[in-house]
Amino acid sequence: MMPETTYIAKIDNCRRIVTPVRLLNVANGREEVVNGLWDTGSEVSVVSRGLSARLDLPYNRSMSVSGFGGRSEVRAVMALTFPGDFEYAVVVQAIETDAISDGVEFIIGMDIIEKGELSLARNGKSLVLTFKFGELFTHIKSEWITKFDS
């Protein structure tokens, strides 16, 4: 039996590693579960502008990032992130962008992945993603989160 601090997901599309991820704005209680793309090539996590606006994520700072399109100035926002929509969360400073893959609203970058242990294994035609939450993750039960009226 796997410990409760381990998230396991079966991935049928082996070209993209997509699982649920829950984002929470702790200031106003808004949260949403969306598709998150696990990307070991991304140094930082990325959130779609639409999701950032719906959650009214607090703006942290502007920063310059480099990518396939060269350097660009972006906004960084803060969120509590629950990979796999589990009860383990970590605070993340994600950058906002309009350029995220279809059907994905959050990219789980190395800033989150390095705080745990990620492994992939083949199981027939599928992949099995295993992520063990590290000590920097906090256990937060859904019923502990206070909902605020907007």
Protein backbone atom coordinates (compact mmCIF):
# COMPACT_ATOMS: atom_id res chain seq x y z
CA MET A 1 0.00 0.00 0.00
CA MET A 2 1.30 3.44 -0.97
CA PRO A 3 1.58 6.08 1.77
CA GLU A 4 -1.08 8.81 1.81
CA THR A 5 1.55 11.37 0.77
CA THR A 6 1.86 9.83 -2.69
CA TYR A 7 -0.26 10.82 -5.70
CA ILE A 8 -0.63 8.22 -8.47
CA ALA A 9 -2.27 8.86 -11.85
CA LYS A 10 -2.71 6.74 -14.97
CA ILE A 11 -1.92 8.74 -18.11
CA ASP A 12 -3.42 7.37 -21.32
CA ASN A 13 -2.04 10.06 -23.67
CA CYS A 14 1.71 9.43 -23.39
CA ARG A 15 2.58 12.59 -25.34
CA ARG A 16 1.29 14.91 -22.60
CA ILE A 17 1.38 14.33 -18.86
CA VAL A 18 -1.84 16.01 -17.73
CA THR A 19 -3.55 15.54 -14.35
CA PRO A 20 -5.92 17.63 -12.24
CA VAL A 21 -4.46 20.47 -10.20
CA ARG A 22 -6.35 22.68 -7.76
CA LEU A 23 -5.42 26.33 -7.30
CA LEU A 24 -6.59 28.36 -4.34
CA ASN A 25 -6.46 32.07 -3.67
CA VAL A 26 -6.19 32.09 0.12
CA ALA A 27 -7.08 35.79 0.30
CA ASN A 28 -10.61 35.35 -1.09
CA GLY A 29 -11.20 31.57 -0.90
CA ARG A 30 -11.71 31.15 -4.64
CA GLU A 31 -10.48 27.84 -5.95
CA GLU A 32 -10.72 25.81 -9.13
CA VAL A 33 -9.65 22.37 -10.33
CA VAL A 34 -8.18 22.48 -13.85
CA ASN A 35 -5.97 20.39 -16.10
CA GLY A 36 -2.29 20.74 -15.19
CA LEU A 37 0.57 19.78 -17.49
CA TRP A 38 3.64 18.33 -15.72
CA ASP A 39 6.62 19.96 -17.48
CA THR A 40 10.17 19.14 -16.32
CA GLY A 41 11.46 21.56 -18.96
CA SER A 42 9.78 24.53 -17.33
CA GLU A 43 11.77 26.16 -14.53
CA VAL A 44 8.69 27.93 -13.16
CA SER A 45 5.00 27.15 -13.04
CA VAL A 46 2.64 28.92 -15.42
CA VAL A 47 -1.04 29.88 -15.06
CA SER A 48 -3.42 30.96 -17.81
CA ARG A 49 -4.49 34.60 -17.62
CA GLY A 50 -8.11 33.44 -17.64
CA LEU A 51 -7.68 31.23 -14.57
CA SER A 52 -5.66 33.92 -12.81
CA ALA A 53 -8.47 36.43 -13.45
CA ARG A 54 -11.25 34.02 -12.35
CA LEU A 55 -9.44 33.35 -9.07
CA ASP A 56 -8.32 36.99 -8.74
CA LEU A 57 -4.83 35.75 -7.85
CA PRO A 58 -2.76 38.35 -6.04
CA TYR A 59 -0.15 40.05 -8.19
CA ASN A 60 3.35 39.63 -6.77
CA ARG A 61 5.77 41.28 -9.20
CA SER A 62 6.83 41.66 -12.81
CA MET A 63 9.62 39.51 -14.12
CA SER A 64 11.48 38.79 -17.33
CA VAL A 65 11.47 35.22 -18.67
CA SER A 66 13.08 33.50 -21.65
CA GLY A 67 11.33 30.88 -23.74
CA PHE A 68 10.92 29.70 -27.30
CA GLY A 69 9.67 33.14 -28.32
CA GLY A 70 12.63 34.97 -26.72
CA ARG A 71 12.51 37.20 -23.63
CA SER A 72 9.27 38.76 -22.44
CA GLU A 73 7.98 40.63 -19.42
CA VAL A 74 5.30 38.79 -17.45
CA ARG A 75 3.34 39.16 -14.22
CA ALA A 76 3.95 36.77 -11.37
CA VAL A 77 0.98 35.78 -9.21
CA MET A 78 0.73 33.82 -5.95
CA ALA A 79 -1.44 30.76 -5.39
CA LEU A 80 -1.71 27.73 -3.15
CA THR A 81 -1.31 24.76 -5.50
CA PHE A 82 -2.56 21.20 -4.96
CA PRO A 83 -1.06 18.91 -7.63
CA GLY A 84 -3.43 16.07 -8.41
CA ASP A 85 -6.19 17.87 -6.46
CA PHE A 86 -4.78 16.14 -3.38
CA GLU A 87 -4.80 17.51 0.17
CA TYR A 88 -1.13 18.53 -0.06
CA ALA A 89 -0.35 22.06 -1.18
CA VAL A 90 2.57 24.37 -1.75
CA VAL A 91 2.67 28.12 -2.29
CA VAL A 92 3.77 28.91 -5.82
CA GLN A 93 4.69 32.08 -7.65
CA ALA A 94 3.41 31.34 -11.16
CA ILE A 95 3.75 33.47 -14.25
CA GLU A 96 0.67 34.45 -16.24
CA THR A 97 0.42 33.79 -19.95
CA ASP A 98 -2.07 33.35 -22.77
CA ALA A 99 0.17 30.77 -24.46
CA ILE A 100 -0.72 27.49 -22.76
CA SER A 101 -1.54 24.28 -24.61
CA ASP A 102 -5.20 23.58 -25.48
CA GLY A 103 -7.19 22.12 -22.60
CA VAL A 104 -4.53 23.05 -20.01
CA GLU A 105 -4.73 26.03 -17.65
CA PHE A 106 -1.72 25.39 -15.43
CA ILE A 107 1.81 24.13 -16.04
CA ILE A 108 3.39 22.34 -13.10
CA GLY A 109 7.02 23.42 -13.43
CA MET A 110 10.22 22.39 -11.70
CA ASP A 111 9.58 24.94 -8.93
CA ILE A 112 6.88 22.51 -7.71
CA ILE A 113 8.28 19.20 -8.98
CA GLU A 114 11.63 19.65 -7.18
CA LYS A 115 9.77 19.84 -3.85
CA GLY A 116 8.77 16.17 -4.18
CA GLU A 117 9.74 12.99 -6.01
CA LEU A 118 8.35 12.45 -9.52
CA SER A 119 8.59 9.18 -11.41
CA LEU A 120 7.01 7.79 -14.56
CA ALA A 121 6.62 4.12 -15.46
CA ARG A 122 5.07 2.38 -18.43
CA ASN A 123 2.07 0.13 -17.80
CA GLY A 124 1.00 -1.38 -21.12
CA LYS A 125 0.10 1.54 -23.40
CA SER A 126 -0.28 3.96 -20.49
CA LEU A 127 2.09 5.83 -18.21
CA VAL A 128 1.80 5.82 -14.45
CA LEU A 129 2.78 9.09 -12.78
CA THR A 130 3.83 8.82 -9.14
CA PHE A 131 4.50 11.96 -7.13
CA LYS A 132 5.57 11.76 -3.51
CA PHE A 133 4.93 15.04 -1.71
CA GLY A 134 8.04 16.35 0.02
CA GLU A 135 8.37 18.09 3.37
CA LEU A 136 7.76 21.54 1.83
CA PHE A 137 4.16 20.54 1.06
CA THR A 138 1.52 21.28 3.68
CA HIS A 139 -1.37 18.91 4.44
CA ILE A 140 -4.57 20.92 4.12
CA LYS A 141 -7.96 19.21 4.26
CA SER A 142 -10.66 20.78 2.07
CA GLU A 143 -12.98 21.27 5.03
CA TRP A 144 -10.30 23.42 6.71
CA ILE A 145 -10.42 25.98 3.90
CA THR A 146 -12.70 28.90 4.70
CA LYS A 147 -14.92 29.93 1.81
CA PHE A 148 -15.41 33.67 1.37
CA ASP A 149 -18.34 35.33 -0.40
CA SER A 150 -17.29 37.60 -3.24
